[in-house]
Each structure stands twice: as structure tokens, then as C-alpha cells.
Amino acid sequence: RVHHATTGRAALDLLEKGLAPQFAVLDIEMPELDGLAATRLIREREGKEGRKRLPILALTSNARPEDYRECLAAGMDGHLSKPFDRQDLVEAIAKLMRFRGAA
């Protein structure tokens, strides 16, 4: 089942309403609240409320090593650069879920 949020704020609202997804794909350039800021807030709330860690995949057109490091520093677990095809997305999600299984 897929839930779609068009802004970072909307993504946070879904989580606050009790949605418990297996993982999230957050675009770095979302309106209202970008993916990095949304991830930081998600991680903060997980820590305060003892929630299970939500695996988060960054989706971005920025593919430089420093962009990847910035995503990880914000608390994201993976990084997928645009443009990508369906197979790239499937592989990134599979890697993300393997990471979750190892935690």
C-alpha cells in the first residue's frame, strides 16, 4: 500500500496520525518542509517518543558525495539520484530494507 504526500509537512502529518509505513521515500526538494528537515524531525520524534526507526530513502537530483553525506547526517538511510528507472528504485528499496533487517 502506498501513501502519497506532496509536502514534507504532509508526510509528517501522516505519521502523526498513526501511519506506520515500512519505509519512506522523501524528496530533498519538497515544498513547505524539505526532505532533510522532515527527516530530522522524524528522527527527533522517534528519539523522544521511543518509536521504531523508520527507514528513509532520499530522492534527489544531487549526486555529489557531499550531498550523500548531508542526507546521512540528517538521518536518512539511503540515497537515490534522479533520473532513475524502476529497477534503480527497486534496488534502492531492497537495500534499504536489508539495512533495516540488520539493525
N, C-alpha and C. Protein backbone atom coordinates (compact mmCIF):
# COMPACT_ATOMS: atom_id res chain seq x y z
N ARG A 1 0.84 -1.17 0.00
CA ARG A 1 0.00 0.00 0.00
C ARG A 1 0.89 1.24 0.00
N VAL A 2 0.58 2.19 -0.82
CA VAL A 2 1.37 3.41 -0.96
C VAL A 2 0.55 4.60 -0.46
N HIS A 3 1.20 5.44 0.33
CA HIS A 3 0.60 6.70 0.77
C HIS A 3 1.44 7.80 0.17
N HIS A 4 0.79 8.79 -0.37
CA HIS A 4 1.48 9.87 -1.08
C HIS A 4 1.27 11.19 -0.35
N ALA A 5 2.38 11.89 -0.12
CA ALA A 5 2.30 13.23 0.49
C ALA A 5 3.07 14.17 -0.43
N THR A 6 2.50 15.31 -0.72
CA THR A 6 3.14 16.24 -1.67
C THR A 6 4.07 17.24 -0.99
N THR A 7 4.06 17.29 0.33
CA THR A 7 4.95 18.20 1.05
C THR A 7 5.55 17.45 2.24
N GLY A 8 6.65 17.98 2.74
CA GLY A 8 7.26 17.40 3.93
C GLY A 8 6.33 17.49 5.12
N ARG A 9 5.62 18.58 5.23
CA ARG A 9 4.66 18.76 6.33
C ARG A 9 3.56 17.71 6.25
N ALA A 10 3.06 17.44 5.04
CA ALA A 10 2.02 16.42 4.87
C ALA A 10 2.53 15.03 5.25
N ALA A 11 3.78 14.76 4.95
CA ALA A 11 4.38 13.47 5.33
C ALA A 11 4.42 13.33 6.85
N LEU A 12 4.83 14.39 7.52
CA LEU A 12 4.86 14.36 8.99
C LEU A 12 3.45 14.20 9.56
N ASP A 13 2.48 14.87 8.96
CA ASP A 13 1.10 14.76 9.43
C ASP A 13 0.59 13.31 9.33
N LEU A 14 0.95 12.62 8.25
CA LEU A 14 0.54 11.22 8.11
C LEU A 14 1.11 10.37 9.24
N LEU A 15 2.37 10.60 9.57
CA LEU A 15 3.00 9.85 10.65
C LEU A 15 2.36 10.18 12.00
N GLU A 16 2.03 11.45 12.20
CA GLU A 16 1.39 11.86 13.45
C GLU A 16 -0.01 11.26 13.60
N LYS A 17 -0.66 10.98 12.48
CA LYS A 17 -2.00 10.39 12.52
C LYS A 17 -1.95 8.88 12.74
N GLY A 18 -0.71 8.34 12.91
CA GLY A 18 -0.59 6.92 13.22
C GLY A 18 -0.16 6.04 12.07
N LEU A 19 0.05 6.60 10.90
CA LEU A 19 0.53 5.79 9.79
C LEU A 19 1.89 5.21 10.17
N ALA A 20 2.09 3.92 9.95
CA ALA A 20 3.34 3.26 10.29
C ALA A 20 3.88 2.53 9.07
N PRO A 21 4.45 3.27 8.11
CA PRO A 21 4.93 2.64 6.88
C PRO A 21 6.17 1.79 7.14
N GLN A 22 6.44 0.86 6.22
CA GLN A 22 7.65 0.04 6.31
C GLN A 22 8.89 0.87 6.00
N PHE A 23 8.73 1.88 5.15
CA PHE A 23 9.81 2.77 4.78
C PHE A 23 9.22 4.02 4.16
N ALA A 24 10.06 5.05 3.99
CA ALA A 24 9.61 6.29 3.36
C ALA A 24 10.63 6.71 2.30
N VAL A 25 10.14 7.27 1.23
CA VAL A 25 10.97 7.88 0.20
C VAL A 25 10.66 9.37 0.24
N LEU A 26 11.65 10.17 0.62
CA LEU A 26 11.45 11.61 0.75
C LEU A 26 12.31 12.36 -0.25
N ASP A 27 11.68 13.20 -1.04
CA ASP A 27 12.41 14.05 -1.96
C ASP A 27 13.08 15.16 -1.16
N ILE A 28 14.28 15.48 -1.51
CA ILE A 28 15.01 16.53 -0.81
C ILE A 28 14.36 17.89 -1.03
N GLU A 29 13.75 18.11 -2.18
CA GLU A 29 13.20 19.42 -2.55
C GLU A 29 11.69 19.50 -2.42
N MET A 30 11.12 18.98 -1.34
CA MET A 30 9.68 19.09 -1.14
C MET A 30 9.33 20.49 -0.65
N PRO A 31 8.13 20.97 -1.02
CA PRO A 31 7.71 22.29 -0.52
C PRO A 31 7.34 22.23 0.97
N GLU A 32 7.24 23.40 1.56
CA GLU A 32 6.87 23.60 2.98
C GLU A 32 7.94 23.12 3.94
N LEU A 33 8.39 21.91 3.77
CA LEU A 33 9.40 21.32 4.64
C LEU A 33 10.18 20.33 3.77
N ASP A 34 11.46 20.60 3.53
CA ASP A 34 12.19 19.72 2.62
C ASP A 34 12.48 18.37 3.28
N GLY A 35 12.96 17.45 2.48
CA GLY A 35 13.20 16.09 2.96
C GLY A 35 14.21 16.00 4.08
N LEU A 36 15.23 16.85 4.04
CA LEU A 36 16.24 16.84 5.10
C LEU A 36 15.63 17.29 6.43
N ALA A 37 14.89 18.39 6.40
CA ALA A 37 14.26 18.90 7.61
C ALA A 37 13.21 17.92 8.13
N ALA A 38 12.43 17.33 7.23
CA ALA A 38 11.42 16.36 7.64
C ALA A 38 12.08 15.16 8.31
N THR A 39 13.18 14.70 7.74
CA THR A 39 13.90 13.56 8.32
C THR A 39 14.42 13.90 9.71
N ARG A 40 14.99 15.08 9.87
CA ARG A 40 15.49 15.48 11.19
C ARG A 40 14.36 15.47 12.22
N LEU A 41 13.19 15.97 11.83
CA LEU A 41 12.05 15.98 12.75
C LEU A 41 11.56 14.57 13.06
N ILE A 42 11.54 13.72 12.05
CA ILE A 42 11.14 12.32 12.26
C ILE A 42 12.09 11.66 13.25
N ARG A 43 13.38 11.84 13.06
CA ARG A 43 14.38 11.21 13.97
C ARG A 43 14.25 11.78 15.38
N GLU A 44 14.01 13.07 15.49
CA GLU A 44 13.84 13.69 16.80
C GLU A 44 12.63 13.09 17.53
N ARG A 45 11.54 12.96 16.81
CA ARG A 45 10.32 12.41 17.41
C ARG A 45 10.50 10.94 17.78
N GLU A 46 11.21 10.19 16.92
CA GLU A 46 11.47 8.79 17.25
C GLU A 46 12.22 8.69 18.57
N GLY A 47 13.22 9.56 18.74
CA GLY A 47 14.00 9.55 19.96
C GLY A 47 13.20 9.92 21.19
N LYS A 48 12.40 10.95 21.07
CA LYS A 48 11.60 11.43 22.21
C LYS A 48 10.49 10.46 22.59
N GLU A 49 9.89 9.84 21.57
CA GLU A 49 8.72 9.00 21.81
C GLU A 49 9.02 7.51 21.80
N GLY A 50 10.29 7.15 21.61
CA GLY A 50 10.67 5.74 21.60
C GLY A 50 10.09 4.96 20.43
N ARG A 51 9.85 5.65 19.34
CA ARG A 51 9.30 4.99 18.16
C ARG A 51 10.37 4.17 17.45
N LYS A 52 9.91 3.15 16.75
CA LYS A 52 10.79 2.33 15.91
C LYS A 52 11.34 3.20 14.78
N ARG A 53 12.60 3.01 14.42
CA ARG A 53 13.23 3.80 13.37
C ARG A 53 12.60 3.50 12.01
N LEU A 54 12.17 4.55 11.34
CA LEU A 54 11.59 4.45 10.00
C LEU A 54 12.72 4.55 8.98
N PRO A 55 12.94 3.52 8.15
CA PRO A 55 13.95 3.63 7.11
C PRO A 55 13.53 4.70 6.09
N ILE A 56 14.44 5.61 5.79
CA ILE A 56 14.14 6.72 4.88
C ILE A 56 15.14 6.74 3.74
N LEU A 57 14.62 6.76 2.52
CA LEU A 57 15.41 6.86 1.30
C LEU A 57 15.31 8.27 0.76
N ALA A 58 16.45 8.91 0.54
CA ALA A 58 16.48 10.26 -0.04
C ALA A 58 16.33 10.14 -1.55
N LEU A 59 15.52 11.00 -2.11
CA LEU A 59 15.35 11.09 -3.55
C LEU A 59 15.78 12.49 -3.96
N THR A 60 16.78 12.59 -4.83
CA THR A 60 17.33 13.90 -5.15
C THR A 60 18.00 13.92 -6.52
N SER A 61 18.10 15.10 -7.07
CA SER A 61 18.84 15.27 -8.32
C SER A 61 20.31 15.56 -8.04
N ASN A 62 20.66 15.69 -6.76
CA ASN A 62 22.03 15.97 -6.36
C ASN A 62 22.78 14.67 -6.10
N ALA A 63 23.83 14.43 -6.88
CA ALA A 63 24.53 13.16 -6.79
C ALA A 63 25.98 13.29 -6.33
N ARG A 64 26.35 14.45 -5.80
CA ARG A 64 27.72 14.63 -5.34
C ARG A 64 27.92 13.91 -4.00
N PRO A 65 29.14 13.50 -3.72
CA PRO A 65 29.39 12.81 -2.45
C PRO A 65 28.96 13.64 -1.23
N GLU A 66 29.15 14.95 -1.28
CA GLU A 66 28.75 15.78 -0.14
C GLU A 66 27.22 15.80 0.04
N ASP A 67 26.47 15.65 -1.06
CA ASP A 67 25.00 15.57 -0.96
C ASP A 67 24.60 14.28 -0.25
N TYR A 68 25.28 13.20 -0.60
CA TYR A 68 25.02 11.91 0.05
C TYR A 68 25.32 12.00 1.55
N ARG A 69 26.44 12.59 1.89
CA ARG A 69 26.82 12.75 3.30
C ARG A 69 25.80 13.62 4.05
N GLU A 70 25.29 14.65 3.39
CA GLU A 70 24.29 15.51 4.03
C GLU A 70 23.01 14.73 4.33
N CYS A 71 22.61 13.86 3.42
CA CYS A 71 21.43 13.02 3.64
C CYS A 71 21.64 12.10 4.84
N LEU A 72 22.80 11.46 4.90
CA LEU A 72 23.09 10.57 6.02
C LEU A 72 23.16 11.34 7.33
N ALA A 73 23.76 12.52 7.30
CA ALA A 73 23.86 13.34 8.52
C ALA A 73 22.48 13.76 9.03
N ALA A 74 21.53 13.94 8.12
CA ALA A 74 20.16 14.31 8.52
C ALA A 74 19.41 13.13 9.11
N GLY A 75 19.93 11.91 8.89
CA GLY A 75 19.27 10.72 9.43
C GLY A 75 18.67 9.81 8.39
N MET A 76 18.90 10.13 7.12
CA MET A 76 18.38 9.26 6.05
C MET A 76 19.25 8.01 5.98
N ASP A 77 18.67 6.93 5.45
CA ASP A 77 19.37 5.65 5.42
C ASP A 77 19.90 5.28 4.05
N GLY A 78 19.45 5.97 3.03
CA GLY A 78 19.88 5.69 1.66
C GLY A 78 19.66 6.90 0.79
N HIS A 79 20.14 6.79 -0.44
CA HIS A 79 20.17 7.94 -1.35
C HIS A 79 19.96 7.43 -2.77
N LEU A 80 19.03 8.01 -3.50
CA LEU A 80 18.79 7.65 -4.90
C LEU A 80 18.75 8.93 -5.71
N SER A 81 19.62 8.99 -6.72
CA SER A 81 19.71 10.20 -7.54
C SER A 81 18.82 10.09 -8.78
N LYS A 82 18.21 11.23 -9.12
CA LYS A 82 17.43 11.34 -10.35
C LYS A 82 18.37 11.67 -11.50
N PRO A 83 18.08 11.28 -12.70
CA PRO A 83 16.96 10.42 -13.07
C PRO A 83 17.26 8.97 -12.71
N PHE A 84 16.22 8.21 -12.49
CA PHE A 84 16.37 6.80 -12.17
C PHE A 84 15.26 6.05 -12.87
N ASP A 85 15.44 4.73 -13.00
CA ASP A 85 14.38 3.93 -13.59
C ASP A 85 13.79 3.02 -12.50
N ARG A 86 12.80 2.27 -12.88
CA ARG A 86 12.09 1.43 -11.92
C ARG A 86 13.03 0.45 -11.22
N GLN A 87 13.95 -0.13 -11.97
CA GLN A 87 14.89 -1.10 -11.39
C GLN A 87 15.79 -0.43 -10.35
N ASP A 88 16.22 0.80 -10.62
CA ASP A 88 17.04 1.54 -9.65
C ASP A 88 16.27 1.72 -8.34
N LEU A 89 14.99 2.07 -8.45
CA LEU A 89 14.15 2.27 -7.28
C LEU A 89 13.96 0.96 -6.52
N VAL A 90 13.68 -0.10 -7.23
CA VAL A 90 13.50 -1.42 -6.60
C VAL A 90 14.77 -1.82 -5.84
N GLU A 91 15.93 -1.63 -6.46
CA GLU A 91 17.19 -1.98 -5.82
C GLU A 91 17.46 -1.12 -4.59
N ALA A 92 17.17 0.17 -4.68
CA ALA A 92 17.39 1.07 -3.55
C ALA A 92 16.49 0.70 -2.37
N ILE A 93 15.24 0.34 -2.65
CA ILE A 93 14.33 -0.06 -1.59
C ILE A 93 14.77 -1.39 -0.99
N ALA A 94 15.19 -2.32 -1.83
CA ALA A 94 15.66 -3.62 -1.32
C ALA A 94 16.87 -3.42 -0.41
N LYS A 95 17.79 -2.55 -0.80
CA LYS A 95 18.96 -2.26 0.03
C LYS A 95 18.54 -1.62 1.35
N LEU A 96 17.59 -0.71 1.28
CA LEU A 96 17.08 -0.04 2.48
C LEU A 96 16.48 -1.05 3.44
N MET A 97 15.72 -1.99 2.92
CA MET A 97 15.06 -2.97 3.77
C MET A 97 16.05 -4.00 4.32
N ARG A 98 17.11 -4.32 3.59
CA ARG A 98 18.17 -5.17 4.12
C ARG A 98 18.84 -4.47 5.29
N PHE A 99 19.07 -3.15 5.14
CA PHE A 99 19.66 -2.35 6.21
C PHE A 99 18.78 -2.42 7.45
N ARG A 100 17.49 -2.32 7.25
CA ARG A 100 16.55 -2.35 8.37
C ARG A 100 16.61 -3.70 9.07
N GLY A 101 16.70 -4.76 8.26
CA GLY A 101 16.75 -6.10 8.84
C GLY A 101 18.01 -6.35 9.66
N ALA A 102 19.08 -5.65 9.31
CA ALA A 102 20.35 -5.83 10.02
C ALA A 102 20.40 -5.03 11.31
N ALA A 103 19.51 -4.05 11.45
CA ALA A 103 19.55 -3.18 12.64
C ALA A 103 18.98 -3.85 13.86
